[in-house]
Amino acid sequence: MNINETINGAKVLMIKAVDHTRKEFSSLHTGKASTSMVEGIMVELYGSQMRIKDIAAITTPDSRTIRIQPWDKESLKPIEKGIIASNVGLNPVVDGMIIRCNVPEMSGERRQELSKVANTMAETGKISIRGVRRDVLDVLKKAQKTGEITEDELSKAEKDVQKLVDNAIADIDKALESKTSDLMKV
């Protein structure tokens, strides 16, 4: 058994968990227009589900407006319906061949609510990191029991894995702190 490969595999999984958590944070809007607010919304078009970013150009001409320009005129109404159905808090307005969504000012209550959602997302990320740690330590302990690695190697590997966990959780905490301060800005 190669301990370094096992630990590197764990590191990759932890980095993915941190990246996923950051991506989740980007779906929370802070009162500023962002293309990520609508990119992933699914739209029923030509009998199948498609993401808005796959059927239209999405831009933010200013900090309060999202502009969606479908490549096909037939997709205007489905995109409008999809945005309304997604409950992201946007009111789409069809203007010729363009859909405009004005991002409303956020109330203090909504900011608190989104802050709690961000905390939940961060905790989910931390749980997945701890799960990776548990799985890797199980593999290492089994290897030690079967004699593939020594007790000293196991002890060192456990410390290395814990360092990775601490770093990944610190990254999530830093991202959470940044997102929370963004959410609380008026």
N, C-alpha and C. Protein backbone atom coordinates (compact mmCIF):
# COMPACT_ATOMS: atom_id res chain seq x y z
N MET A 1 0.84 -1.19 0.00
CA MET A 1 0.00 0.00 0.00
C MET A 1 0.89 1.25 0.00
N ASN A 2 0.51 2.21 -0.83
CA ASN A 2 1.25 3.47 -0.89
C ASN A 2 0.49 4.53 -0.08
N ILE A 3 1.05 4.92 1.03
CA ILE A 3 0.39 5.88 1.94
C ILE A 3 0.23 7.24 1.26
N ASN A 4 1.27 7.68 0.54
CA ASN A 4 1.22 8.99 -0.11
C ASN A 4 0.09 9.08 -1.14
N GLU A 5 -0.11 8.00 -1.91
CA GLU A 5 -1.20 7.98 -2.88
C GLU A 5 -2.55 8.09 -2.18
N THR A 6 -2.70 7.37 -1.09
CA THR A 6 -3.95 7.40 -0.33
C THR A 6 -4.21 8.80 0.20
N ILE A 7 -3.19 9.43 0.77
CA ILE A 7 -3.34 10.78 1.32
C ILE A 7 -3.60 11.79 0.20
N ASN A 8 -2.91 11.65 -0.93
CA ASN A 8 -3.15 12.55 -2.06
C ASN A 8 -4.56 12.40 -2.61
N GLY A 9 -5.07 11.18 -2.62
CA GLY A 9 -6.46 10.96 -3.04
C GLY A 9 -7.42 11.68 -2.11
N ALA A 10 -7.14 11.62 -0.83
CA ALA A 10 -7.98 12.32 0.16
C ALA A 10 -7.90 13.83 -0.06
N LYS A 11 -6.70 14.32 -0.35
CA LYS A 11 -6.51 15.76 -0.57
C LYS A 11 -7.34 16.23 -1.75
N VAL A 12 -7.34 15.45 -2.83
CA VAL A 12 -8.12 15.80 -4.02
C VAL A 12 -9.61 15.87 -3.67
N LEU A 13 -10.09 14.88 -2.92
CA LEU A 13 -11.51 14.87 -2.54
C LEU A 13 -11.87 16.06 -1.65
N MET A 14 -10.95 16.43 -0.75
CA MET A 14 -11.20 17.57 0.13
C MET A 14 -11.22 18.89 -0.66
N ILE A 15 -10.31 19.00 -1.63
CA ILE A 15 -10.30 20.21 -2.47
C ILE A 15 -11.60 20.31 -3.25
N LYS A 16 -12.08 19.17 -3.75
CA LYS A 16 -13.37 19.17 -4.48
C LYS A 16 -14.51 19.61 -3.56
N ALA A 17 -14.49 19.17 -2.31
CA ALA A 17 -15.53 19.56 -1.35
C ALA A 17 -15.49 21.06 -1.10
N VAL A 18 -14.29 21.62 -0.95
CA VAL A 18 -14.15 23.07 -0.74
C VAL A 18 -14.65 23.82 -1.98
N ASP A 19 -14.24 23.38 -3.17
CA ASP A 19 -14.67 24.03 -4.41
C ASP A 19 -16.18 23.96 -4.58
N HIS A 20 -16.76 22.80 -4.25
CA HIS A 20 -18.21 22.65 -4.35
C HIS A 20 -18.92 23.63 -3.40
N THR A 21 -18.40 23.76 -2.20
CA THR A 21 -19.00 24.68 -1.23
C THR A 21 -18.92 26.11 -1.74
N ARG A 22 -17.77 26.50 -2.30
CA ARG A 22 -17.63 27.85 -2.86
C ARG A 22 -18.63 28.07 -4.00
N LYS A 23 -18.82 27.04 -4.82
CA LYS A 23 -19.77 27.14 -5.94
C LYS A 23 -21.19 27.31 -5.40
N GLU A 24 -21.50 26.59 -4.34
CA GLU A 24 -22.81 26.72 -3.70
C GLU A 24 -23.01 28.15 -3.21
N PHE A 25 -21.97 28.73 -2.61
CA PHE A 25 -22.05 30.10 -2.12
C PHE A 25 -22.38 31.07 -3.25
N SER A 26 -21.85 30.82 -4.44
CA SER A 26 -22.08 31.75 -5.55
C SER A 26 -23.54 31.77 -5.99
N SER A 27 -24.31 30.75 -5.61
CA SER A 27 -25.73 30.75 -5.97
C SER A 27 -26.55 31.67 -5.06
N LEU A 28 -25.97 32.11 -3.95
CA LEU A 28 -26.65 33.05 -3.06
C LEU A 28 -26.37 34.46 -3.54
N HIS A 29 -27.43 35.18 -3.90
CA HIS A 29 -27.14 36.52 -4.41
C HIS A 29 -27.12 37.54 -3.29
N THR A 30 -26.28 38.55 -3.48
CA THR A 30 -26.03 39.53 -2.43
C THR A 30 -26.66 40.87 -2.75
N GLY A 31 -27.63 40.89 -3.64
CA GLY A 31 -28.22 42.16 -4.03
C GLY A 31 -27.56 42.72 -5.27
N LYS A 32 -26.42 42.12 -5.65
CA LYS A 32 -25.75 42.52 -6.88
C LYS A 32 -26.08 41.50 -7.95
N ALA A 33 -26.26 41.96 -9.17
CA ALA A 33 -26.57 41.06 -10.28
C ALA A 33 -25.38 40.17 -10.57
N SER A 34 -25.66 38.89 -10.79
CA SER A 34 -24.62 37.93 -11.13
C SER A 34 -25.22 36.91 -12.10
N THR A 35 -24.45 36.57 -13.12
CA THR A 35 -24.96 35.61 -14.10
C THR A 35 -25.23 34.25 -13.45
N SER A 36 -24.51 33.93 -12.38
CA SER A 36 -24.69 32.62 -11.73
C SER A 36 -26.08 32.47 -11.10
N MET A 37 -26.80 33.60 -10.94
CA MET A 37 -28.14 33.53 -10.36
C MET A 37 -29.12 32.82 -11.29
N VAL A 38 -28.88 32.87 -12.60
CA VAL A 38 -29.82 32.29 -13.55
C VAL A 38 -29.22 31.21 -14.45
N GLU A 39 -27.89 31.10 -14.49
CA GLU A 39 -27.24 30.15 -15.42
C GLU A 39 -27.76 28.73 -15.32
N GLY A 40 -27.94 28.26 -14.10
CA GLY A 40 -28.31 26.86 -13.90
C GLY A 40 -29.79 26.57 -13.89
N ILE A 41 -30.62 27.60 -14.08
CA ILE A 41 -32.07 27.39 -14.06
C ILE A 41 -32.46 26.51 -15.25
N MET A 42 -33.24 25.47 -14.96
CA MET A 42 -33.66 24.54 -16.01
C MET A 42 -34.93 25.05 -16.70
N VAL A 43 -34.95 24.91 -18.02
CA VAL A 43 -36.04 25.41 -18.85
C VAL A 43 -36.53 24.27 -19.73
N GLU A 44 -37.84 24.13 -19.84
CA GLU A 44 -38.45 23.12 -20.71
C GLU A 44 -38.48 23.70 -22.13
N LEU A 45 -37.68 23.08 -23.04
CA LEU A 45 -37.58 23.58 -24.40
C LEU A 45 -37.42 22.42 -25.36
N TYR A 46 -38.24 22.39 -26.39
CA TYR A 46 -38.21 21.32 -27.40
C TYR A 46 -38.32 19.94 -26.78
N GLY A 47 -39.12 19.84 -25.74
CA GLY A 47 -39.38 18.55 -25.11
C GLY A 47 -38.29 18.05 -24.19
N SER A 48 -37.30 18.88 -23.87
CA SER A 48 -36.27 18.45 -22.93
C SER A 48 -35.89 19.59 -21.99
N GLN A 49 -35.21 19.24 -20.91
CA GLN A 49 -34.78 20.24 -19.93
C GLN A 49 -33.40 20.75 -20.32
N MET A 50 -33.26 22.08 -20.37
CA MET A 50 -31.97 22.69 -20.71
C MET A 50 -31.69 23.82 -19.73
N ARG A 51 -30.40 24.07 -19.49
CA ARG A 51 -30.03 25.19 -18.63
C ARG A 51 -30.05 26.47 -19.46
N ILE A 52 -30.38 27.57 -18.81
CA ILE A 52 -30.45 28.85 -19.51
C ILE A 52 -29.12 29.17 -20.17
N LYS A 53 -28.01 28.87 -19.47
CA LYS A 53 -26.71 29.23 -20.05
C LYS A 53 -26.41 28.46 -21.33
N ASP A 54 -27.13 27.36 -21.59
CA ASP A 54 -26.92 26.59 -22.80
C ASP A 54 -27.76 27.09 -23.98
N ILE A 55 -28.73 27.97 -23.71
CA ILE A 55 -29.62 28.42 -24.79
C ILE A 55 -29.67 29.93 -24.95
N ALA A 56 -28.84 30.66 -24.18
CA ALA A 56 -28.88 32.11 -24.25
C ALA A 56 -27.57 32.73 -23.77
N ALA A 57 -27.34 33.97 -24.18
CA ALA A 57 -26.21 34.74 -23.67
C ALA A 57 -26.70 35.49 -22.43
N ILE A 58 -25.93 35.40 -21.34
CA ILE A 58 -26.33 36.05 -20.09
C ILE A 58 -25.27 37.08 -19.73
N THR A 59 -25.70 38.32 -19.52
CA THR A 59 -24.77 39.39 -19.15
C THR A 59 -25.34 40.20 -17.99
N THR A 60 -24.48 40.99 -17.37
CA THR A 60 -24.91 41.92 -16.33
C THR A 60 -24.44 43.32 -16.74
N PRO A 61 -25.30 44.07 -17.44
CA PRO A 61 -24.91 45.40 -17.91
C PRO A 61 -24.64 46.38 -16.77
N ASP A 62 -25.28 46.17 -15.62
CA ASP A 62 -25.00 46.99 -14.44
C ASP A 62 -25.19 46.12 -13.20
N SER A 63 -24.96 46.68 -12.03
CA SER A 63 -24.98 45.88 -10.81
C SER A 63 -26.38 45.46 -10.36
N ARG A 64 -27.41 45.94 -11.03
CA ARG A 64 -28.78 45.62 -10.65
C ARG A 64 -29.56 44.86 -11.71
N THR A 65 -28.96 44.60 -12.87
CA THR A 65 -29.70 44.01 -13.98
C THR A 65 -29.00 42.79 -14.55
N ILE A 66 -29.80 41.77 -14.83
CA ILE A 66 -29.32 40.60 -15.56
C ILE A 66 -30.02 40.63 -16.91
N ARG A 67 -29.24 40.49 -17.97
CA ARG A 67 -29.79 40.56 -19.33
C ARG A 67 -29.59 39.20 -19.97
N ILE A 68 -30.69 38.62 -20.45
CA ILE A 68 -30.65 37.30 -21.08
C ILE A 68 -31.10 37.45 -22.52
N GLN A 69 -30.23 37.04 -23.44
CA GLN A 69 -30.55 37.13 -24.86
C GLN A 69 -30.53 35.73 -25.45
N PRO A 70 -31.73 35.14 -25.64
CA PRO A 70 -31.80 33.78 -26.19
C PRO A 70 -31.30 33.75 -27.63
N TRP A 71 -30.72 32.62 -28.01
CA TRP A 71 -30.26 32.46 -29.38
C TRP A 71 -31.41 32.13 -30.31
N ASP A 72 -32.52 31.68 -29.74
CA ASP A 72 -33.68 31.32 -30.53
C ASP A 72 -34.90 32.03 -29.95
N LYS A 73 -35.65 32.70 -30.81
CA LYS A 73 -36.83 33.46 -30.39
C LYS A 73 -37.85 32.58 -29.67
N GLU A 74 -37.91 31.30 -30.04
CA GLU A 74 -38.87 30.36 -29.45
C GLU A 74 -38.62 30.12 -27.95
N SER A 75 -37.42 30.42 -27.49
CA SER A 75 -37.09 30.12 -26.09
C SER A 75 -37.39 31.28 -25.14
N LEU A 76 -37.88 32.41 -25.65
CA LEU A 76 -38.19 33.55 -24.78
C LEU A 76 -39.18 33.19 -23.67
N LYS A 77 -40.35 32.69 -24.06
CA LYS A 77 -41.39 32.35 -23.07
C LYS A 77 -40.95 31.25 -22.10
N PRO A 78 -40.36 30.15 -22.60
CA PRO A 78 -39.90 29.12 -21.65
C PRO A 78 -38.87 29.64 -20.65
N ILE A 79 -37.97 30.52 -21.08
CA ILE A 79 -36.98 31.08 -20.16
C ILE A 79 -37.69 31.92 -19.11
N GLU A 80 -38.63 32.75 -19.55
CA GLU A 80 -39.38 33.59 -18.60
C GLU A 80 -40.10 32.71 -17.58
N LYS A 81 -40.77 31.66 -18.05
CA LYS A 81 -41.48 30.74 -17.14
C LYS A 81 -40.51 30.05 -16.18
N GLY A 82 -39.36 29.64 -16.69
CA GLY A 82 -38.37 28.95 -15.87
C GLY A 82 -37.85 29.83 -14.74
N ILE A 83 -37.60 31.11 -15.05
CA ILE A 83 -37.10 32.04 -14.03
C ILE A 83 -38.16 32.26 -12.96
N ILE A 84 -39.40 32.44 -13.37
CA ILE A 84 -40.49 32.64 -12.41
C ILE A 84 -40.64 31.39 -11.53
N ALA A 85 -40.60 30.20 -12.14
CA ALA A 85 -40.80 28.95 -11.40
C ALA A 85 -39.64 28.63 -10.47
N SER A 86 -38.45 29.18 -10.74
CA SER A 86 -37.27 28.83 -9.94
C SER A 86 -37.25 29.48 -8.56
N ASN A 87 -38.09 30.48 -8.34
CA ASN A 87 -38.15 31.17 -7.04
C ASN A 87 -36.82 31.76 -6.61
N VAL A 88 -36.08 32.37 -7.53
CA VAL A 88 -34.82 33.01 -7.16
C VAL A 88 -35.03 34.48 -6.80
N GLY A 89 -36.28 34.91 -6.80
CA GLY A 89 -36.58 36.28 -6.39
C GLY A 89 -36.42 37.30 -7.51
N LEU A 90 -36.44 36.84 -8.76
CA LEU A 90 -36.32 37.74 -9.89
C LEU A 90 -37.63 37.81 -10.66
N ASN A 91 -37.89 38.99 -11.21
CA ASN A 91 -39.09 39.21 -12.01
C ASN A 91 -38.67 39.47 -13.45
N PRO A 92 -38.74 38.46 -14.34
CA PRO A 92 -38.29 38.65 -15.71
C PRO A 92 -39.25 39.52 -16.52
N VAL A 93 -38.69 40.41 -17.34
CA VAL A 93 -39.49 41.26 -18.22
C VAL A 93 -38.99 41.04 -19.64
N VAL A 94 -39.92 40.59 -20.53
CA VAL A 94 -39.54 40.37 -21.93
C VAL A 94 -39.60 41.72 -22.64
N ASP A 95 -38.47 42.05 -23.31
CA ASP A 95 -38.34 43.32 -24.01
C ASP A 95 -37.83 43.02 -25.41
N GLY A 96 -38.75 42.74 -26.32
CA GLY A 96 -38.35 42.36 -27.68
C GLY A 96 -37.73 40.98 -27.68
N MET A 97 -36.44 40.92 -28.05
CA MET A 97 -35.71 39.63 -28.08
C MET A 97 -34.84 39.44 -26.84
N ILE A 98 -35.06 40.26 -25.81
CA ILE A 98 -34.22 40.24 -24.61
C ILE A 98 -35.11 40.07 -23.38
N ILE A 99 -34.58 39.37 -22.38
CA ILE A 99 -35.27 39.28 -21.09
C ILE A 99 -34.40 40.03 -20.08
N ARG A 100 -35.02 40.96 -19.38
CA ARG A 100 -34.31 41.71 -18.35
C ARG A 100 -34.85 41.29 -16.98
N CYS A 101 -33.93 41.11 -16.03
CA CYS A 101 -34.31 40.79 -14.66
C CYS A 101 -33.65 41.82 -13.75
N ASN A 102 -34.46 42.62 -13.07
CA ASN A 102 -33.91 43.57 -12.11
C ASN A 102 -33.75 42.86 -10.77
N VAL A 103 -32.58 43.01 -10.17
CA VAL A 103 -32.29 42.39 -8.89
C VAL A 103 -32.79 43.34 -7.80
N PRO A 104 -33.77 42.91 -7.00
CA PRO A 104 -34.33 43.80 -5.98
C PRO A 104 -33.36 44.03 -4.82
N GLU A 105 -33.55 45.15 -4.13
CA GLU A 105 -32.79 45.45 -2.90
C GLU A 105 -33.15 44.38 -1.87
N MET A 106 -32.18 43.94 -1.11
CA MET A 106 -32.46 42.90 -0.11
C MET A 106 -32.80 43.53 1.23
N SER A 107 -33.80 42.96 1.88
CA SER A 107 -34.17 43.43 3.21
C SER A 107 -33.22 42.81 4.24
N GLY A 108 -33.17 43.40 5.42
CA GLY A 108 -32.33 42.88 6.50
C GLY A 108 -32.70 41.45 6.86
N GLU A 109 -34.00 41.18 6.83
CA GLU A 109 -34.49 39.84 7.16
C GLU A 109 -33.99 38.82 6.14
N ARG A 110 -34.06 39.20 4.87
CA ARG A 110 -33.60 38.30 3.79
C ARG A 110 -32.09 38.07 3.90
N ARG A 111 -31.35 39.09 4.27
CA ARG A 111 -29.90 38.96 4.45
C ARG A 111 -29.59 37.94 5.55
N GLN A 112 -30.33 38.03 6.67
CA GLN A 112 -30.14 37.08 7.78
C GLN A 112 -30.46 35.65 7.32
N GLU A 113 -31.54 35.53 6.56
CA GLU A 113 -31.97 34.23 6.06
C GLU A 113 -30.89 33.62 5.17
N LEU A 114 -30.35 34.42 4.24
CA LEU A 114 -29.31 33.93 3.34
C LEU A 114 -28.03 33.60 4.09
N SER A 115 -27.75 34.34 5.15
CA SER A 115 -26.58 34.06 5.97
C SER A 115 -26.71 32.69 6.63
N LYS A 116 -27.91 32.36 7.09
CA LYS A 116 -28.15 31.04 7.68
C LYS A 116 -27.99 29.94 6.63
N VAL A 117 -28.47 30.21 5.40
CA VAL A 117 -28.33 29.23 4.32
C VAL A 117 -26.85 29.00 4.02
N ALA A 118 -26.06 30.08 4.02
CA ALA A 118 -24.61 29.97 3.77
C ALA A 118 -23.96 29.13 4.87
N ASN A 119 -24.37 29.34 6.12
CA ASN A 119 -23.83 28.54 7.23
C ASN A 119 -24.14 27.06 7.05
N THR A 120 -25.35 26.77 6.60
CA THR A 120 -25.75 25.38 6.35
C THR A 120 -24.91 24.77 5.24
N MET A 121 -24.69 25.54 4.16
CA MET A 121 -23.86 25.06 3.05
C MET A 121 -22.44 24.77 3.53
N ALA A 122 -21.90 25.66 4.37
CA ALA A 122 -20.54 25.48 4.90
C ALA A 122 -20.47 24.23 5.75
N GLU A 123 -21.47 24.01 6.58
CA GLU A 123 -21.48 22.84 7.45
C GLU A 123 -21.56 21.56 6.62
N THR A 124 -22.33 21.57 5.53
CA THR A 124 -22.42 20.42 4.64
C THR A 124 -21.05 20.12 4.04
N GLY A 125 -20.32 21.17 3.63
CA GLY A 125 -18.98 20.99 3.10
C GLY A 125 -18.04 20.39 4.13
N LYS A 126 -18.13 20.87 5.36
CA LYS A 126 -17.27 20.36 6.44
C LYS A 126 -17.58 18.89 6.72
N ILE A 127 -18.86 18.54 6.69
CA ILE A 127 -19.26 17.15 6.93
C ILE A 127 -18.67 16.24 5.86
N SER A 128 -18.68 16.69 4.60
CA SER A 128 -18.12 15.83 3.55
C SER A 128 -16.61 15.69 3.72
N ILE A 129 -15.94 16.75 4.18
CA ILE A 129 -14.49 16.66 4.44
C ILE A 129 -14.22 15.67 5.56
N ARG A 130 -15.02 15.74 6.61
CA ARG A 130 -14.83 14.79 7.73
C ARG A 130 -15.10 13.36 7.28
N GLY A 131 -16.04 13.21 6.34
CA GLY A 131 -16.33 11.88 5.79
C GLY A 131 -15.14 11.32 5.03
N VAL A 132 -14.46 12.19 4.28
CA VAL A 132 -13.25 11.77 3.57
C VAL A 132 -12.19 11.32 4.59
N ARG A 133 -12.04 12.12 5.66
CA ARG A 133 -11.06 11.76 6.69
C ARG A 133 -11.38 10.38 7.28
N ARG A 134 -12.64 10.17 7.61
CA ARG A 134 -13.05 8.88 8.20
C ARG A 134 -12.73 7.73 7.25
N ASP A 135 -13.05 7.88 5.97
CA ASP A 135 -12.81 6.81 5.00
C ASP A 135 -11.32 6.51 4.85
N VAL A 136 -10.51 7.57 4.76
CA VAL A 136 -9.07 7.38 4.60
C VAL A 136 -8.46 6.72 5.84
N LEU A 137 -8.88 7.17 7.01
CA LEU A 137 -8.34 6.58 8.23
C LEU A 137 -8.75 5.11 8.35
N ASP A 138 -9.96 4.76 7.91
CA ASP A 138 -10.38 3.35 7.92
C ASP A 138 -9.46 2.51 7.04
N VAL A 139 -9.16 3.03 5.84
CA VAL A 139 -8.27 2.31 4.92
C VAL A 139 -6.88 2.13 5.55
N LEU A 140 -6.37 3.20 6.15
CA LEU A 140 -5.04 3.14 6.76
C LEU A 140 -5.01 2.18 7.95
N LYS A 141 -6.06 2.20 8.76
CA LYS A 141 -6.09 1.30 9.94
C LYS A 141 -6.17 -0.17 9.50
N LYS A 142 -6.92 -0.43 8.44
CA LYS A 142 -6.99 -1.81 7.92
C LYS A 142 -5.62 -2.25 7.41
N ALA A 143 -4.94 -1.33 6.73
CA ALA A 143 -3.60 -1.64 6.22
C ALA A 143 -2.64 -1.92 7.37
N GLN A 144 -2.80 -1.21 8.46
CA GLN A 144 -1.93 -1.42 9.62
C GLN A 144 -2.23 -2.78 10.26
N LYS A 145 -3.52 -3.14 10.32
CA LYS A 145 -3.90 -4.43 10.91
C LYS A 145 -3.38 -5.60 10.10
N THR A 146 -3.37 -5.42 8.77
CA THR A 146 -2.89 -6.52 7.92
C THR A 146 -1.38 -6.52 7.78
N GLY A 147 -0.71 -5.55 8.40
CA GLY A 147 0.74 -5.52 8.38
C GLY A 147 1.35 -4.81 7.18
N GLU A 148 0.52 -4.16 6.36
CA GLU A 148 1.04 -3.45 5.18
C GLU A 148 1.82 -2.20 5.58
N ILE A 149 1.39 -1.57 6.69
CA ILE A 149 2.11 -0.39 7.19
C ILE A 149 2.33 -0.56 8.69
N THR A 150 3.32 0.13 9.21
CA THR A 150 3.63 0.03 10.64
C THR A 150 2.77 1.01 11.44
N GLU A 151 2.82 0.86 12.73
CA GLU A 151 2.07 1.74 13.61
C GLU A 151 2.58 3.19 13.52
N ASP A 152 3.91 3.34 13.38
CA ASP A 152 4.50 4.67 13.23
C ASP A 152 4.04 5.34 11.94
N GLU A 153 4.00 4.56 10.86
CA GLU A 153 3.52 5.11 9.58
C GLU A 153 2.06 5.51 9.68
N LEU A 154 1.27 4.71 10.38
CA LEU A 154 -0.14 5.03 10.60
C LEU A 154 -0.28 6.33 11.37
N SER A 155 0.50 6.47 12.43
CA SER A 155 0.45 7.67 13.27
C SER A 155 0.81 8.92 12.46
N LYS A 156 1.86 8.83 11.65
CA LYS A 156 2.28 9.97 10.82
C LYS A 156 1.20 10.29 9.78
N ALA A 157 0.65 9.25 9.17
CA ALA A 157 -0.39 9.44 8.15
C ALA A 157 -1.63 10.10 8.77
N GLU A 158 -2.00 9.68 9.98
CA GLU A 158 -3.15 10.29 10.66
C GLU A 158 -2.92 11.79 10.87
N LYS A 159 -1.70 12.16 11.27
CA LYS A 159 -1.38 13.58 11.47
C LYS A 159 -1.45 14.35 10.14
N ASP A 160 -0.94 13.73 9.07
CA ASP A 160 -0.97 14.37 7.75
C ASP A 160 -2.41 14.59 7.27
N VAL A 161 -3.24 13.58 7.47
CA VAL A 161 -4.64 13.67 7.07
C VAL A 161 -5.33 14.76 7.89
N GLN A 162 -5.04 14.83 9.18
CA GLN A 162 -5.67 15.84 10.03
C GLN A 162 -5.26 17.24 9.59
N LYS A 163 -4.01 17.41 9.15
CA LYS A 163 -3.56 18.71 8.64
C LYS A 163 -4.37 19.11 7.42
N LEU A 164 -4.60 18.13 6.53
CA LEU A 164 -5.41 18.39 5.33
C LEU A 164 -6.83 18.81 5.71
N VAL A 165 -7.40 18.10 6.68
CA VAL A 165 -8.75 18.41 7.15
C VAL A 165 -8.80 19.82 7.72
N ASP A 166 -7.83 20.15 8.57
CA ASP A 166 -7.80 21.49 9.18
C ASP A 166 -7.69 22.57 8.12
N ASN A 167 -6.83 22.35 7.11
CA ASN A 167 -6.67 23.35 6.04
C ASN A 167 -7.96 23.51 5.22
N ALA A 168 -8.59 22.39 4.88
CA ALA A 168 -9.82 22.44 4.07
C ALA A 168 -10.94 23.14 4.84
N ILE A 169 -11.07 22.83 6.13
CA ILE A 169 -12.11 23.47 6.94
C ILE A 169 -11.81 24.96 7.09
N ALA A 170 -10.54 25.31 7.23
CA ALA A 170 -10.16 26.73 7.31
C ALA A 170 -10.52 27.46 6.01
N ASP A 171 -10.33 26.79 4.86
CA ASP A 171 -10.70 27.38 3.57
C ASP A 171 -12.21 27.63 3.50
N ILE A 172 -12.98 26.67 3.96
CA ILE A 172 -14.45 26.84 3.96
C ILE A 172 -14.84 27.97 4.90
N ASP A 173 -14.22 28.02 6.09
CA ASP A 173 -14.54 29.10 7.04
C ASP A 173 -14.22 30.47 6.45
N LYS A 174 -13.09 30.56 5.74
CA LYS A 174 -12.69 31.83 5.12
C LYS A 174 -13.70 32.23 4.04
N ALA A 175 -14.12 31.27 3.21
CA ALA A 175 -15.10 31.54 2.17
C ALA A 175 -16.45 31.94 2.78
N LEU A 176 -16.82 31.27 3.88
CA LEU A 176 -18.07 31.59 4.56
C LEU A 176 -18.03 33.01 5.13
N GLU A 177 -16.91 33.35 5.74
CA GLU A 177 -16.76 34.69 6.31
C GLU A 177 -16.89 35.76 5.22
N SER A 178 -16.26 35.51 4.09
CA SER A 178 -16.33 36.44 2.95
C SER A 178 -17.76 36.56 2.43
N LYS A 179 -18.44 35.42 2.28
CA LYS A 179 -19.81 35.43 1.76
C LYS A 179 -20.75 36.12 2.75
N THR A 180 -20.58 35.85 4.04
CA THR A 180 -21.43 36.47 5.05
C THR A 180 -21.24 37.98 5.05
N SER A 181 -20.00 38.45 4.93
CA SER A 181 -19.79 39.90 4.92
C SER A 181 -20.39 40.51 3.65
N ASP A 182 -20.32 39.78 2.52
CA ASP A 182 -20.98 40.26 1.29
C ASP A 182 -22.49 40.37 1.50
N LEU A 183 -23.07 39.33 2.12
CA LEU A 183 -24.52 39.32 2.34
C LEU A 183 -24.98 40.44 3.27
N MET A 184 -24.16 40.79 4.23
CA MET A 184 -24.57 41.77 5.22
C MET A 184 -24.31 43.22 4.80
N LYS A 185 -23.56 43.41 3.71
CA LYS A 185 -23.33 44.78 3.21
C LYS A 185 -24.63 45.36 2.71
N VAL A 186 -24.87 46.61 3.05
CA VAL A 186 -26.10 47.26 2.59
C VAL A 186 -25.79 48.17 1.45
